[in-house]
């Protein structure tokens, strides 16, 4: 599946009302005409990020011309402040700034892959709703149990 088709499927599945797109590829921009859009090219994204609205979905094209020093900052800012869900179309070349190691350290997990003419691209997602599974010990039955107050001396 091509990267553009994967992007279109993502939009079809999530149906966001608002979208943030960081990409230099005009095909992504053309495919995302439905939702309200805030768009920035890679080199201008960090300068303009504070003008971005809150969005349901943010998509970052890791092949965009994002400066290496700003790539993780932009991704983290979108994740923490501006979007409910952030998806990164990973780079073909692992030496790019938004490679697998950086994205995993930011809490992203791989959700799929696509193919470009230049190679295979992995897609990563951060969604706060399913970021972490609640552990079993973190529930009321393991904490102050009133039914045990008279049975044990702590």
Protein backbone atom coordinates (compact mmCIF):
# COMPACT_ATOMS: atom_id res chain seq x y z
CA UNK A 1 0.00 0.00 0.00
CA UNK A 2 1.33 3.44 -0.85
CA UNK A 3 1.87 6.11 1.78
CA UNK A 4 -0.82 8.32 0.25
CA UNK A 5 -3.39 5.51 0.38
CA UNK A 6 -2.41 4.79 4.00
CA UNK A 7 -2.94 8.48 4.80
CA UNK A 8 -6.34 8.51 3.10
CA UNK A 9 -7.37 5.37 5.04
CA UNK A 10 -6.27 7.00 8.28
CA UNK A 11 -8.49 10.00 7.56
CA UNK A 12 -11.35 7.72 6.58
CA UNK A 13 -11.08 5.63 9.76
CA UNK A 14 -10.70 8.51 12.21
CA UNK A 15 -12.86 11.11 10.43
CA UNK A 16 -11.32 14.03 12.33
CA UNK A 17 -13.12 17.35 12.34
CA UNK A 18 -9.83 19.16 12.82
CA UNK A 19 -6.43 18.16 11.45
CA UNK A 20 -2.86 19.38 11.82
CA UNK A 21 -0.55 18.39 8.98
CA UNK A 22 3.23 18.84 8.90
CA UNK A 23 4.40 17.84 5.44
CA UNK A 24 6.19 19.11 2.38
CA UNK A 25 4.29 16.73 0.10
CA UNK A 26 1.41 18.47 -1.67
CA UNK A 27 -0.34 15.11 -2.18
CA UNK A 28 -0.97 14.91 1.60
CA UNK A 29 -2.43 18.39 1.50
CA UNK A 30 -4.68 17.54 -1.44
CA UNK A 31 -5.93 14.35 0.25
CA UNK A 32 -6.83 16.16 3.49
CA UNK A 33 -9.32 18.70 2.17
CA UNK A 34 -12.24 17.43 4.27
CA UNK A 35 -11.40 18.35 7.87
CA UNK A 36 -10.49 21.80 9.09
CA UNK A 37 -6.79 21.97 8.40
CA UNK A 38 -3.72 23.66 9.84
CA UNK A 39 -0.75 22.98 7.62
CA UNK A 40 2.94 23.77 7.89
CA UNK A 41 5.92 22.68 5.86
CA UNK A 42 8.74 21.00 7.72
CA UNK A 43 11.09 23.96 7.83
CA UNK A 44 8.37 26.38 9.03
CA UNK A 45 6.59 24.09 11.50
CA UNK A 46 8.51 25.09 14.63
CA UNK A 47 8.22 28.82 13.91
CA UNK A 48 4.46 28.58 13.34
CA UNK A 49 3.45 25.86 15.81
CA UNK A 50 2.05 28.33 18.34
CA UNK A 51 -0.57 29.43 15.82
CA UNK A 52 -1.92 25.87 15.48
CA UNK A 53 -5.41 25.20 16.83
CA UNK A 54 -6.27 22.25 19.06
CA UNK A 55 -6.99 19.29 16.78
CA UNK A 56 -8.31 15.77 16.97
CA UNK A 57 -5.53 14.43 14.74
CA UNK A 58 -2.03 15.57 13.86
CA UNK A 59 -0.05 13.90 11.08
CA UNK A 60 3.67 14.41 10.66
CA UNK A 61 5.50 13.34 7.52
CA UNK A 62 8.96 12.35 8.76
CA UNK A 63 10.32 12.82 5.25
CA UNK A 64 9.51 16.54 5.42
CA UNK A 65 12.34 19.04 5.67
CA UNK A 66 12.10 19.33 9.46
CA UNK A 67 15.44 20.40 10.95
CA UNK A 68 16.93 17.64 13.09
CA UNK A 69 17.07 19.84 16.19
CA UNK A 70 13.35 20.66 15.93
CA UNK A 71 11.83 17.31 14.90
CA UNK A 72 11.41 15.84 18.39
CA UNK A 73 10.32 19.23 19.75
CA UNK A 74 7.55 19.58 17.17
CA UNK A 75 6.40 16.00 17.72
CA UNK A 76 6.37 16.38 21.50
CA UNK A 77 4.56 19.73 21.34
CA UNK A 78 1.84 18.32 19.10
CA UNK A 79 1.53 15.28 21.37
CA UNK A 80 1.37 17.28 24.61
CA UNK A 81 -0.55 20.42 23.66
CA UNK A 82 -2.17 20.52 20.27
CA UNK A 83 -3.58 17.09 19.32
CA UNK A 84 -5.55 14.25 20.86
CA UNK A 85 -3.87 11.75 18.56
CA UNK A 86 -0.56 12.12 16.70
CA UNK A 87 0.47 9.90 13.80
CA UNK A 88 3.94 9.97 12.23
CA UNK A 89 4.65 8.53 8.81
CA UNK A 90 8.14 7.31 9.67
CA UNK A 91 11.22 7.98 7.58
CA UNK A 92 12.59 5.68 4.92
CA UNK A 93 16.10 6.42 6.15
CA UNK A 94 16.72 5.58 9.83
CA UNK A 95 19.35 8.31 10.06
CA UNK A 96 16.59 10.95 9.89
CA UNK A 97 15.60 12.84 13.03
CA UNK A 98 12.23 11.11 13.59
CA UNK A 99 13.50 7.55 13.44
CA UNK A 100 12.10 4.57 15.32
CA UNK A 101 14.23 5.08 18.43
CA UNK A 102 13.18 8.72 18.87
CA UNK A 103 9.51 7.95 18.31
CA UNK A 104 9.53 5.04 20.77
CA UNK A 105 11.17 7.26 23.38
CA UNK A 106 8.34 9.77 22.89
CA UNK A 107 5.74 7.07 23.66
CA UNK A 108 4.71 6.19 20.11
CA UNK A 109 4.03 2.66 18.94
CA UNK A 110 4.00 1.22 15.45
CA UNK A 111 0.58 0.83 13.84
CA UNK A 112 1.44 -0.20 10.29
CA UNK A 113 3.59 0.37 7.25
CA UNK A 114 3.39 1.63 3.72
CA UNK A 115 5.64 1.73 0.70
CA UNK A 116 6.95 4.67 -1.26
CA UNK A 117 9.03 4.69 -4.40
CA UNK A 118 12.01 5.36 -2.13
CA UNK A 119 11.27 2.52 0.28
CA UNK A 120 9.25 1.15 3.18
CA UNK A 121 7.75 3.56 5.73
CA UNK A 122 6.49 2.62 9.18
CA UNK A 123 3.59 4.48 10.77
CA UNK A 124 3.68 5.36 14.46
CA UNK A 125 0.91 6.63 16.71
CA UNK A 126 0.49 8.27 20.08
CA UNK A 127 -3.04 8.29 21.45
CA UNK A 128 -3.44 9.29 25.09
CA UNK A 129 -6.60 7.18 25.40
CA UNK A 130 -4.71 3.94 24.88
CA UNK A 131 -1.16 4.99 25.73
CA UNK A 132 -0.87 2.80 28.81
CA UNK A 133 -2.82 -0.19 30.05
CA UNK A 134 -3.93 0.30 33.64
CA UNK A 135 -2.10 -2.25 35.80
CA UNK A 136 -4.10 -4.64 37.96
CA UNK A 137 -2.75 -3.29 41.23
CA UNK A 138 -4.05 0.19 40.46
CA UNK A 139 -7.65 -0.34 41.46
CA UNK A 140 -9.74 0.20 44.62
CA UNK A 141 -9.68 -3.39 45.85
CA UNK A 142 -5.96 -3.14 46.67
CA UNK A 143 -6.15 0.09 48.62
CA UNK A 144 -8.06 1.10 51.76
CA UNK A 145 -10.41 -1.84 52.15
CA UNK A 146 -12.95 -0.99 54.87
CA UNK A 147 -13.99 -4.64 55.13
CA UNK A 148 -10.49 -5.50 56.45
CA UNK A 149 -10.14 -2.70 59.01
CA UNK A 150 -11.14 -4.81 62.01
CA UNK A 151 -9.48 -8.03 60.83
CA UNK A 152 -5.86 -6.96 60.61
CA UNK A 153 -3.65 -4.65 62.54
CA UNK A 154 -1.36 -2.63 60.31
